[in-house]
Protein backbone atom coordinates (compact mmCIF):
# COMPACT_ATOMS: atom_id res chain seq x y z
CA MET A 1 0.00 0.00 0.00
CA ALA A 2 1.32 3.44 -0.88
CA LYS A 3 2.52 5.51 1.99
CA ALA A 4 0.44 8.63 2.48
CA ALA A 5 2.72 11.64 2.21
CA LYS A 6 2.32 14.92 4.04
CA THR A 7 -0.38 16.95 2.30
CA VAL A 8 0.52 20.13 0.48
CA LYS A 9 -1.73 22.91 1.76
CA ALA A 10 -2.94 25.69 -0.52
CA SER A 11 -0.26 28.17 0.47
CA LYS A 12 1.55 30.54 -1.84
CA GLY A 13 3.60 28.63 -4.38
CA PHE A 14 2.09 25.23 -3.60
CA GLU A 15 1.26 24.71 -7.30
CA GLU A 16 4.92 25.22 -8.19
CA THR A 17 6.03 22.71 -5.55
CA LEU A 18 3.63 20.12 -6.93
CA TRP A 19 4.71 20.84 -10.50
CA GLU A 20 8.39 20.38 -9.71
CA SER A 21 7.68 17.09 -7.97
CA ALA A 22 5.46 15.76 -10.76
CA ASN A 23 7.69 16.92 -13.61
CA LYS A 24 10.75 15.15 -12.16
CA LEU A 25 8.88 11.87 -12.61
CA ARG A 26 8.19 12.39 -16.30
CA GLY A 27 11.27 10.59 -17.53
CA SER A 28 11.20 9.96 -21.28
CA VAL A 29 7.47 10.64 -21.65
CA GLU A 30 6.73 13.56 -23.97
CA SER A 31 5.08 16.57 -22.35
CA ALA A 32 2.18 16.32 -24.81
CA GLU A 33 1.44 12.83 -23.47
CA TYR A 34 2.38 13.43 -19.85
CA LYS A 35 -0.10 16.27 -19.35
CA HIS A 36 -3.01 13.88 -19.89
CA VAL A 37 -1.54 11.49 -17.31
CA VAL A 38 -1.07 14.17 -14.66
CA LEU A 39 -4.24 16.17 -15.25
CA SER A 40 -6.51 13.13 -15.33
CA LEU A 41 -5.01 11.85 -12.07
CA ILE A 42 -5.52 15.26 -10.46
CA PHE A 43 -9.12 15.13 -11.62
CA LEU A 44 -9.64 11.61 -10.22
CA LYS A 45 -8.18 12.71 -6.87
CA PHE A 46 -10.50 15.71 -6.79
CA ILE A 47 -13.77 13.90 -7.57
CA SER A 48 -12.81 11.11 -5.14
CA ASP A 49 -12.22 13.57 -2.33
CA LYS A 50 -15.59 15.19 -3.07
CA PHE A 51 -17.21 11.76 -3.08
CA GLU A 52 -15.66 10.73 0.25
CA GLN A 53 -16.72 14.03 1.83
CA ARG A 54 -20.29 13.57 0.64
CA LYS A 55 -20.28 9.89 1.68
CA LEU A 56 -19.56 10.86 5.29
CA ALA A 57 -22.34 13.43 5.18
CA VAL A 58 -24.81 10.84 3.84
CA ILE A 59 -23.90 8.39 6.60
CA GLU A 60 -24.22 11.09 9.25
CA GLN A 61 -27.53 12.41 7.95
CA TYR A 62 -29.29 9.34 6.58
CA GLY A 63 -27.39 6.32 7.88
CA GLY A 64 -25.24 3.65 6.24
CA ASP A 65 -28.07 2.06 4.27
CA PHE A 66 -28.10 5.00 1.85
CA VAL A 67 -24.35 5.30 1.29
CA ASP A 68 -24.45 3.77 -2.21
CA MET A 69 -27.58 5.48 -3.48
CA VAL A 70 -26.51 7.57 -6.44
CA ASP A 71 -29.21 10.22 -6.03
CA PHE A 72 -27.80 11.29 -2.67
CA TYR A 73 -24.61 12.34 -4.50
CA THR A 74 -26.00 13.85 -7.68
CA MET A 75 -28.40 16.02 -5.68
CA GLU A 76 -25.32 17.84 -4.37
CA ASN A 77 -23.56 17.91 -7.75
CA VAL A 78 -21.12 15.19 -6.63
CA PHE A 79 -20.07 12.33 -8.91
CA TYR A 80 -20.89 8.86 -7.54
CA LEU A 81 -17.88 6.52 -7.64
CA PRO A 82 -18.02 2.73 -7.25
CA GLU A 83 -15.22 1.14 -5.23
CA GLU A 84 -12.90 0.50 -8.20
CA ALA A 85 -13.20 4.13 -9.36
CA ARG A 86 -12.07 5.74 -6.12
CA TRP A 87 -8.70 7.32 -5.45
CA SER A 88 -8.35 5.20 -2.31
CA HIS A 89 -8.53 2.06 -4.48
CA VAL A 90 -5.82 3.34 -6.83
CA LEU A 91 -3.65 4.42 -3.89
CA LYS A 92 -4.07 1.00 -2.26
CA HIS A 93 -2.67 -0.73 -5.37
CA ALA A 94 -0.05 1.89 -6.27
CA LYS A 95 2.90 -0.41 -5.51
CA GLN A 96 1.45 -3.48 -7.21
CA ASP A 97 1.75 -4.86 -10.74
CA GLY A 98 -0.92 -3.78 -13.19
CA LEU A 99 -1.25 -0.26 -11.78
CA ALA A 100 -1.83 1.23 -15.25
CA LEU A 101 -4.76 -1.13 -15.84
CA ILE A 102 -6.20 -0.26 -12.41
CA ILE A 103 -6.12 3.45 -13.30
CA ASP A 104 -7.65 2.88 -16.74
CA THR A 105 -10.40 0.82 -15.12
CA ALA A 106 -11.07 3.61 -12.62
CA MET A 107 -11.34 6.19 -15.40
CA SER A 108 -13.67 4.00 -17.43
CA THR A 109 -15.86 3.25 -14.41
CA VAL A 110 -16.17 6.96 -13.60
CA GLU A 111 -17.52 7.64 -17.10
CA LYS A 112 -19.91 4.69 -17.07
CA ASN A 113 -21.50 5.89 -13.85
CA ASN A 114 -21.68 9.61 -14.67
CA ALA A 115 -23.27 10.59 -17.98
CA SER A 116 -21.94 14.15 -17.87
CA LEU A 117 -18.36 12.85 -17.90
CA VAL A 118 -18.72 10.62 -20.96
CA GLY A 119 -15.81 11.42 -23.26
CA ALA A 120 -14.00 13.44 -20.61
CA LEU A 121 -11.34 10.99 -19.40
CA PRO A 122 -8.49 9.13 -21.12
CA ASP A 123 -9.52 5.81 -22.70
CA ASN A 124 -7.06 2.99 -21.86
CA TYR A 125 -4.43 5.71 -21.92
CA PHE A 126 -2.21 4.53 -19.09
CA SER A 127 -1.91 0.96 -20.38
CA ARG A 128 -1.11 2.10 -23.92
CA LEU A 129 1.49 4.65 -22.81
CA ASP A 130 3.57 1.98 -21.04
CA LEU A 131 4.73 4.28 -18.24
CA ASP A 132 7.47 3.21 -15.86
CA ALA A 133 5.57 1.57 -12.98
CA SER A 134 7.72 3.02 -10.21
CA LYS A 135 7.44 6.56 -11.59
CA LEU A 136 3.69 6.20 -11.99
CA ALA A 137 3.43 5.06 -8.35
CA SER A 138 5.55 8.01 -7.23
CA LEU A 139 3.36 10.37 -9.28
CA ILE A 140 0.30 9.03 -7.47
CA ASP A 141 2.02 9.71 -4.13
CA THR A 142 2.78 13.26 -5.30
CA ILE A 143 -0.79 13.98 -6.41
CA ASN A 144 -2.04 12.42 -3.19
CA ASN A 145 -0.35 15.38 -1.50
CA ILE A 146 -3.00 17.77 -2.84
CA ASP A 147 -5.29 18.50 0.09
CA THR A 148 -8.46 19.39 -1.78
CA ILE A 149 -10.79 19.50 1.22
CA ALA A 150 -9.03 21.13 4.18
CA ASN A 151 -6.68 24.00 3.46
CA GLU A 152 -5.25 26.88 5.36
CA CYS A 153 -6.25 29.53 2.82
CA HIS A 154 -10.00 28.99 3.36
CA MET A 155 -10.51 28.28 -0.34
CA SER A 156 -13.12 25.87 -1.67
CA GLU A 157 -11.88 22.56 -3.01
CA GLU A 158 -12.77 23.76 -6.51
CA ASP A 159 -10.46 26.75 -6.01
CA VAL A 160 -7.58 24.57 -4.80
CA VAL A 161 -7.74 21.98 -7.57
CA GLY A 162 -8.69 24.63 -10.12
CA ARG A 163 -5.52 26.54 -9.27
CA VAL A 164 -3.42 23.39 -9.62
CA TYR A 165 -5.12 22.39 -12.88
CA GLU A 166 -4.73 25.85 -14.41
CA TYR A 167 -1.12 26.17 -13.26
CA PHE A 168 -0.24 22.77 -14.73
CA LEU A 169 -1.96 23.65 -18.02
CA GLY A 170 0.20 26.76 -18.29
CA LYS A 171 3.41 24.91 -17.45
CA PHE A 172 2.65 22.16 -19.96
CA ALA A 173 1.88 24.78 -22.62
CA ALA A 174 5.23 26.46 -21.93
CA SER A 175 7.13 23.17 -22.16
CA GLU A 176 5.36 22.16 -25.38
CA GLY A 177 5.96 25.47 -27.13
CA GLN A 178 4.14 25.64 -30.48
CA ARG A 179 1.92 22.66 -29.70
CA GLY A 180 0.95 24.18 -26.37
CA GLY A 181 -1.11 26.83 -28.12
CA GLU A 182 -3.55 24.17 -29.23
CA PHE A 183 -5.02 23.99 -25.76
CA TYR A 184 -3.96 27.05 -23.76
CA THR A 185 -4.40 30.82 -23.97
CA PRO A 186 -2.34 32.91 -21.52
CA LYS A 187 -4.43 33.77 -18.48
CA CYS A 188 -3.79 37.51 -18.72
CA VAL A 189 -5.25 37.62 -22.24
CA VAL A 190 -8.32 35.64 -21.19
CA SER A 191 -8.75 37.88 -18.13
CA LEU A 192 -8.64 41.00 -20.29
CA ILE A 193 -11.33 39.65 -22.64
CA ALA A 194 -13.53 38.77 -19.65
CA GLU A 195 -13.07 42.21 -18.06
CA MET A 196 -13.99 43.86 -21.34
CA LEU A 197 -17.07 41.75 -22.12
CA GLU A 198 -18.33 41.38 -18.52
CA PRO A 199 -20.22 38.11 -19.15
CA TYR A 200 -22.69 38.31 -16.26
CA LYS A 201 -25.78 36.81 -17.87
CA GLY A 202 -26.60 34.94 -21.05
CA LYS A 203 -25.00 32.47 -23.42
CA ILE A 204 -21.21 32.28 -23.64
CA TYR A 205 -19.67 30.63 -26.71
CA ASP A 206 -16.14 29.66 -27.71
CA PRO A 207 -15.88 28.04 -31.17
CA CYS A 208 -12.34 26.76 -30.53
CA CYS A 209 -12.40 26.30 -26.77
CA GLY A 210 -9.12 24.43 -26.16
CA SER A 211 -8.94 23.39 -22.51
CA GLY A 212 -11.79 25.73 -21.53
CA GLY A 213 -9.83 28.72 -20.22
CA MET A 214 -12.36 31.27 -21.53
CA PHE A 215 -15.18 29.56 -19.65
CA VAL A 216 -13.21 29.30 -16.40
CA GLN A 217 -12.23 32.96 -16.53
CA SER A 218 -15.85 33.92 -17.17
CA LEU A 219 -16.85 32.06 -14.02
CA GLN A 220 -14.08 33.72 -12.03
CA PHE A 221 -15.22 37.13 -13.29
CA ILE A 222 -18.80 36.37 -12.25
CA GLU A 223 -17.72 35.22 -8.79
CA ALA A 224 -15.43 38.23 -8.32
CA HIS A 225 -18.37 40.55 -9.02
CA GLN A 226 -20.84 38.68 -6.81
CA GLY A 227 -22.79 37.31 -9.75
CA SER A 228 -24.33 33.86 -10.13
CA GLN A 229 -23.07 30.99 -12.26
CA LYS A 230 -26.70 30.02 -12.79
CA ASP A 231 -27.21 33.13 -14.94
CA VAL A 232 -24.90 31.91 -17.73
CA SER A 233 -24.91 28.93 -20.05
CA ILE A 234 -21.80 27.67 -21.80
CA TYR A 235 -21.38 26.43 -25.37
CA GLY A 236 -18.16 25.38 -27.00
CA GLN A 237 -16.46 23.22 -29.56
CA GLU A 238 -12.98 21.75 -29.90
CA TYR A 239 -11.32 20.04 -32.86
CA ALA A 240 -8.83 17.84 -30.96
CA ASN A 241 -10.47 15.07 -28.94
CA THR A 242 -7.69 14.95 -26.32
CA THR A 243 -7.98 18.71 -25.79
CA ARG A 244 -11.77 18.42 -25.53
CA LYS A 245 -11.23 15.97 -22.66
CA LEU A 246 -9.07 18.57 -20.87
CA ALA A 247 -11.88 21.10 -21.26
CA LYS A 248 -14.55 18.74 -19.90
CA MET A 249 -12.39 17.97 -16.85
CA ASN A 250 -11.66 21.67 -16.36
CA LEU A 251 -15.36 22.50 -16.36
CA ALA A 252 -16.23 19.61 -14.04
CA ILE A 253 -13.61 20.71 -11.50
CA ARG A 254 -15.27 24.13 -11.40
CA GLY A 255 -18.75 22.63 -11.10
CA MET A 256 -19.68 24.12 -14.48
CA ALA A 257 -22.13 22.44 -16.84
CA GLY A 258 -21.16 23.14 -20.44
CA ASN A 259 -22.37 21.99 -23.84
CA LEU A 260 -19.25 21.13 -25.83
CA GLY A 261 -21.19 19.27 -28.48
CA ASP A 262 -21.57 15.54 -28.85
CA VAL A 263 -18.10 14.95 -30.26
CA ALA A 264 -14.89 16.76 -31.12
CA GLY A 265 -15.16 18.33 -34.55
CA ASP A 266 -14.06 21.00 -37.02
CA THR A 267 -16.12 24.15 -36.35
CA PHE A 268 -16.24 25.04 -40.05
CA PHE A 269 -17.34 21.62 -41.30
CA LYS A 270 -19.19 20.15 -38.29
CA ASP A 271 -20.75 23.00 -36.35
CA GLN A 272 -22.02 21.51 -33.08
CA HIS A 273 -24.30 24.50 -32.35
CA PRO A 274 -25.89 25.45 -35.70
CA ASP A 275 -28.80 27.44 -34.23
CA LEU A 276 -26.92 29.18 -31.41
CA LYS A 277 -27.13 32.94 -30.95
CA ALA A 278 -24.66 33.90 -28.22
CA ASP A 279 -24.60 36.95 -25.97
CA PHE A 280 -20.83 36.67 -25.49
CA ILE A 281 -18.22 35.09 -27.73
CA MET A 282 -14.70 34.64 -26.36
CA ALA A 283 -12.11 32.93 -28.53
CA ASN A 284 -8.50 32.45 -29.52
CA PRO A 285 -8.63 30.84 -32.97
CA PRO A 286 -5.49 29.26 -34.51
CA PHE A 287 -3.24 32.02 -35.86
CA ASN A 288 -3.19 32.35 -39.67
CA GLN A 289 -4.59 28.84 -40.20
CA SER A 290 -3.76 27.75 -43.75
CA LYS A 291 -5.43 25.08 -45.90
CA TRP A 292 -8.50 25.10 -43.67
CA ARG A 293 -10.68 24.24 -46.65
CA GLN A 294 -10.33 23.26 -50.29
CA ASP A 295 -11.12 25.69 -53.11
CA SER A 296 -14.46 24.03 -53.79
CA GLU A 297 -15.51 23.63 -50.15
CA LEU A 298 -17.87 25.92 -48.18
CA THR A 299 -18.17 28.39 -51.05
CA ASP A 300 -21.93 28.70 -50.53
CA ASP A 301 -21.84 28.59 -46.73
CA PRO A 302 -24.54 30.83 -45.21
CA ARG A 303 -22.09 32.13 -42.59
CA TRP A 304 -20.49 34.40 -45.17
CA ALA A 305 -23.45 34.89 -47.46
CA ALA A 306 -23.51 38.63 -46.67
CA TYR A 307 -19.78 38.98 -47.34
CA SER A 308 -17.14 37.58 -49.66
CA VAL A 309 -15.91 33.99 -49.34
CA PRO A 310 -12.83 33.92 -47.03
CA PRO A 311 -9.59 32.85 -48.76
CA VAL A 312 -8.31 29.27 -48.65
CA GLY A 313 -4.85 30.33 -47.52
CA ASN A 314 -5.88 31.92 -44.22
CA ALA A 315 -8.85 31.17 -41.94
CA ASN A 316 -8.75 34.46 -40.01
CA TYR A 317 -11.76 35.95 -41.75
CA GLY A 318 -13.54 32.61 -41.77
CA TRP A 319 -13.36 32.70 -37.96
CA ILE A 320 -14.50 36.34 -37.87
CA MET A 321 -17.56 35.68 -40.01
CA HIS A 322 -18.39 32.47 -38.13
CA MET A 323 -18.47 34.45 -34.89
CA VAL A 324 -20.53 37.27 -36.42
CA SER A 325 -23.07 34.64 -37.51
CA LYS A 326 -23.32 33.37 -33.92
CA LEU A 327 -23.92 36.75 -32.26
CA SER A 328 -27.30 37.64 -30.82
CA GLU A 329 -28.70 41.06 -31.73
CA GLN A 330 -27.17 42.57 -28.58
CA GLY A 331 -24.20 40.19 -28.47
CA THR A 332 -20.51 41.10 -28.21
CA ALA A 333 -17.49 39.09 -29.32
CA GLY A 334 -13.90 39.42 -28.12
CA PHE A 335 -11.21 37.34 -29.77
CA VAL A 336 -7.49 37.09 -30.51
CA LEU A 337 -6.04 37.23 -34.02
CA ALA A 338 -2.64 37.83 -35.59
CA ASN A 339 -1.89 41.49 -36.34
CA GLY A 340 -2.05 40.85 -40.07
CA SER A 341 -5.82 40.55 -39.79
CA MET A 342 -6.06 44.30 -39.16
CA SER A 343 -4.51 45.36 -42.45
CA SER A 344 -4.25 42.42 -44.87
CA ASN A 345 -5.68 42.86 -48.37
CA THR A 346 -4.80 39.36 -49.55
CA ASN A 347 -7.52 37.88 -51.76
CA SER A 348 -10.86 38.93 -50.25
CA GLU A 349 -9.68 39.90 -46.74
CA GLY A 350 -9.57 43.65 -47.34
CA THR A 351 -13.01 43.58 -48.91
CA ILE A 352 -14.50 41.60 -46.01
CA ARG A 353 -12.92 43.93 -43.45
CA GLN A 354 -14.38 46.96 -45.25
CA GLN A 355 -17.83 45.32 -45.26
CA ILE A 356 -17.62 44.57 -41.53
CA ILE A 357 -16.64 48.19 -40.83
CA GLU A 358 -19.41 49.52 -43.06
CA ASP A 359 -21.86 47.33 -41.15
CA ASP A 360 -20.63 49.10 -37.98
CA LEU A 361 -19.67 45.86 -36.23
CA VAL A 362 -16.18 46.82 -35.02
CA GLU A 363 -16.39 48.28 -31.53
CA CYS A 364 -12.80 48.16 -30.28
CA MET A 365 -9.35 47.13 -31.51
CA ILE A 366 -6.42 46.52 -29.16
CA ALA A 367 -2.78 46.03 -30.16
CA LEU A 368 -1.18 43.73 -27.58
CA PRO A 369 2.47 43.60 -26.51
CA GLY A 370 4.67 40.85 -27.92
CA GLN A 371 5.88 37.73 -26.10
CA LEU A 372 2.53 37.00 -24.42
CA PHE A 373 2.07 33.61 -26.07
CA TYR A 374 4.05 30.42 -25.60
CA THR A 375 3.30 29.41 -29.16
CA THR A 376 4.57 32.25 -31.30
CA GLN A 377 6.36 35.57 -31.39
CA ILE A 378 3.86 36.79 -34.00
CA PRO A 379 2.37 40.07 -32.71
CA VAL A 380 -1.32 39.72 -31.95
CA CYS A 381 -4.36 41.91 -31.38
CA LEU A 382 -7.82 41.75 -29.85
CA TRP A 383 -10.97 42.36 -31.87
CA PHE A 384 -14.25 43.34 -30.21
CA LEU A 385 -17.34 43.16 -32.39
CA THR A 386 -20.96 43.96 -31.58
CA LYS A 387 -24.20 44.15 -33.49
CA ASP A 388 -25.50 46.97 -31.31
CA LYS A 389 -23.52 50.11 -30.52
CA GLY A 390 -26.71 51.89 -29.58
CA GLU A 391 -27.58 53.55 -26.30
CA ASN A 392 -28.27 51.28 -23.32
CA THR A 393 -30.13 53.22 -20.64
CA ASP A 394 -29.95 50.35 -18.14
CA LYS A 395 -26.16 50.48 -18.08
CA GLY A 396 -25.81 54.10 -19.07
CA TYR A 397 -24.09 53.34 -22.39
CA ARG A 398 -23.93 56.24 -24.79
CA LYS A 399 -24.45 55.83 -28.52
CA ARG A 400 -21.26 54.99 -30.39
CA ASN A 401 -22.70 54.34 -33.83
CA GLY A 402 -20.12 54.92 -36.53
CA GLU A 403 -17.23 55.03 -34.05
CA THR A 404 -14.50 52.54 -33.10
CA LEU A 405 -12.17 52.68 -30.11
CA PHE A 406 -8.49 52.00 -30.79
CA ILE A 407 -6.12 51.11 -27.94
CA ASP A 408 -2.38 50.65 -28.37
CA ALA A 409 -1.18 48.48 -25.47
CA ARG A 410 2.10 47.39 -27.05
CA ASN A 411 4.16 49.11 -24.36
CA MET A 412 2.29 47.46 -21.51
CA GLY A 413 3.15 44.21 -19.74
CA SER A 414 6.06 42.94 -17.66
CA MET A 415 8.60 40.20 -18.32
CA ILE A 416 8.00 37.12 -16.14
CA SER A 417 10.85 35.12 -17.67
CA ARG A 418 13.58 35.58 -20.24
CA LYS A 419 11.13 34.89 -23.06
CA GLN A 420 7.71 35.50 -21.55
CA LYS A 421 5.72 38.65 -20.86
CA GLU A 422 2.30 39.09 -19.28
CA LEU A 423 -0.15 41.93 -18.78
CA THR A 424 -0.27 42.97 -15.14
CA LEU A 425 -3.50 43.33 -13.18
CA ASP A 426 -3.06 47.11 -13.41
CA ASP A 427 -2.63 46.88 -17.21
CA ILE A 428 -5.82 44.83 -17.54
CA ALA A 429 -7.74 47.21 -15.28
CA GLU A 430 -6.55 50.28 -17.21
CA ILE A 431 -7.46 48.87 -20.64
CA ALA A 432 -10.87 47.70 -19.42
CA ARG A 433 -11.51 51.03 -17.71
CA THR A 434 -10.72 52.90 -20.94
CA TYR A 435 -13.14 50.72 -22.90
CA HIS A 436 -15.98 50.99 -20.41
CA ALA A 437 -15.48 54.75 -20.03
CA TRP A 438 -15.69 55.05 -23.83
CA ARG A 439 -18.97 53.12 -23.73
CA GLY A 440 -20.28 55.66 -21.23
CA GLU A 441 -20.43 53.66 -18.01
CA ALA A 442 -20.39 56.26 -15.26
CA LYS A 443 -18.36 54.16 -12.81
CA ASP A 444 -15.39 54.27 -15.19
CA GLY A 445 -15.29 58.04 -15.62
CA VAL A 446 -15.39 60.20 -18.73
CA TYR A 447 -13.49 59.00 -21.79
CA GLU A 448 -10.87 61.19 -23.43
CA ASP A 449 -8.43 60.34 -26.21
CA VAL A 450 -4.85 59.88 -25.00
CA ALA A 451 -2.12 60.44 -27.57
CA GLY A 452 -0.07 57.31 -28.09
CA TYR A 453 -2.60 55.14 -26.24
CA SER A 454 -6.26 55.51 -27.27
CA LYS A 455 -8.39 57.15 -29.92
CA SER A 456 -12.11 57.11 -30.70
CA ALA A 457 -12.15 57.18 -34.50
CA SER A 458 -15.08 57.91 -36.79
CA PHE A 459 -16.06 55.86 -39.82
CA ASP A 460 -14.71 58.61 -42.09
CA GLU A 461 -11.31 58.48 -40.36
CA ILE A 462 -11.16 54.70 -40.80
CA LYS A 463 -12.21 55.06 -44.44
CA ALA A 464 -9.47 57.63 -44.96
CA ASN A 465 -7.01 55.00 -43.70
CA ASP A 466 -8.21 52.49 -46.32
CA PHE A 467 -10.18 50.53 -43.69
CA VAL A 468 -7.01 49.45 -41.90
CA LEU A 469 -7.71 48.74 -38.21
CA THR A 470 -4.18 48.97 -36.76
CA PRO A 471 -4.38 51.12 -33.59
CA GLY A 472 -1.01 52.77 -34.28
CA ARG A 473 -2.53 54.53 -37.29
CA TYR A 474 -5.03 56.33 -35.09
CA VAL A 475 -3.63 56.91 -31.60
CA GLY A 476 -0.64 58.94 -32.81
CA ALA A 477 2.53 59.49 -30.81
CA ALA A 478 2.58 60.03 -27.06
CA GLU A 479 3.26 63.58 -25.96
CA LEU A 480 6.73 64.08 -24.51
CA GLU A 481 6.77 65.54 -21.05
CA ASP A 482 8.37 69.01 -20.88
CA ASP A 483 11.29 68.95 -18.44
CA GLY A 484 11.26 72.75 -18.10
CA ILE A 485 14.81 73.31 -19.45
CA PRO A 486 14.95 76.08 -22.14
CA PHE A 487 15.96 74.97 -25.64
CA GLU A 488 18.97 77.31 -25.72
CA VAL A 489 20.36 75.82 -22.50
CA LYS A 490 19.89 72.25 -23.80
CA MET A 491 21.68 73.07 -27.09
CA ALA A 492 24.59 74.72 -25.27
CA GLU A 493 25.02 71.63 -23.07
CA LEU A 494 24.75 69.23 -26.03
CA THR A 495 27.23 71.11 -28.23
CA SER A 496 29.70 71.37 -25.33
CA LYS A 497 29.43 67.61 -24.74
CA LEU A 498 29.82 66.93 -28.45
CA GLY A 499 32.98 69.08 -28.57
CA GLU A 500 34.48 67.02 -25.74
CA GLN A 501 33.69 63.82 -27.59
CA PHE A 502 35.25 65.11 -30.81
CA ALA A 503 38.44 66.04 -28.90
CA GLU A 504 38.58 62.58 -27.30
CA SER A 505 38.04 61.01 -30.73
CA ALA A 506 40.96 62.98 -32.22
CA LYS A 507 43.18 61.93 -29.34
CA LEU A 508 42.34 58.26 -29.83
CA GLU A 509 42.88 58.54 -33.58
CA GLY A 510 46.39 59.95 -33.00
CA GLN A 511 47.24 57.13 -30.58
CA ILE A 512 46.09 54.51 -33.10
CA LYS A 513 48.35 56.06 -35.79
CA VAL A 514 51.35 55.94 -33.42
CA ASN A 515 50.68 52.28 -32.62
CA LEU A 516 50.36 51.35 -36.30
CA LYS A 517 53.61 53.22 -37.12
CA GLY A 518 55.36 51.14 -34.47
CA LEU A 519 54.20 48.03 -36.27
CA GLY A 520 55.46 49.29 -39.63
CA TYR A 521 52.12 50.40 -41.01
CA GLU A 522 52.49 54.14 -41.19
CA PHE A 523 49.98 56.17 -43.22
């Protein structure tokens, strides 16, 4: 039987301690494979702890005769686990042969007994991966250290495991580099989109949801502003089946019910939500996706019936028009795209962008700093589209018909590693405040253009710039602060300094000539 190690409480840095311990056990297993091993075990530990906690409550309240009645668990949003699906069973056999099969059986049993988790967990993954038995046993001991129930920070168990899960997703994305972008969007970018859209009530949709980060951040926004999770419904779709499993686990850990479609599928060719009209769309589509369709495919698709057909060589405008087609009449979309989307005229892209602007759909454009993403150094931007820029008396919004807000945030952010930058909480708050002030929300003050940072541009101004949406074209240069020193004084100081440098240069030149002459190279 595995020895129970000292639990790791939810103190500052506990996620990092767990990561270091778990990552040392990886051995020769690729990060892309290992993340499914670790994250699914974390999930099994979490739902088992919830089950055991509820089991004790059932015994105390109703007696032992009801301990295996499924309804007593589901009524409290707890997954019922038969004996062979419990963490205690896996832990008991952690030092025995056939551990991988025991884990696979546990995962399969969990799905069979909980309809909402069908398709969420790895299928015979541990047996097929042929992990080193001793390292797998040690990994179980490490994950057993996560104290999901009692913790010294007074967080809920969802917060504890959610923090671990999210931290591990980010670390795996960093270690996988380019492939990591298939399932993870940097938290600061997701947070900014959530703070801009404020998804309090309604339908939230992500057409390329990855591991579900947009949904989780929406929930965290709601909780931070004393809203209710019951007021939102979640819809998503993911192309990669393994990534879809990560998303389903991520939602389940947070106690979120989401409709991710019946199966994994290509959003363009197998739309899982054909009749959906969303109030909020939050997305990070693949950057500059090429060969997303053949020349003869989707040419008559109703999603771009009002526009031109997006080019085969780049899916950026295919994603834009897909999201426009999913917006409700008062809906707002916020999504990440490569900077080229703001100015490209390749094939039909310039024409489509002009049509979108003429339809008054573009509400805000934000140029982001570089080095935010693990996947690429390509500079990226945020688009915010809405079908209704009209006045909203309930929220105090002013009319912004025919106007678009441009924000240049390229100089924001702080380096968190040699290669990685992130937007700070202050950066996110400032950008969101600017946007909400521009919309006329009284709590965020009165909006004013700031040279070098923000500009509210009219349709005519955008037209004069050939319908290019790059913020730098509109915000201008930041004003230089006057230091109070008269120009004449500055010039006198500069010319004096320059004279000294010229004299020093002549001196060095003479010394070099002397040295060359000594070597027989006089000139």
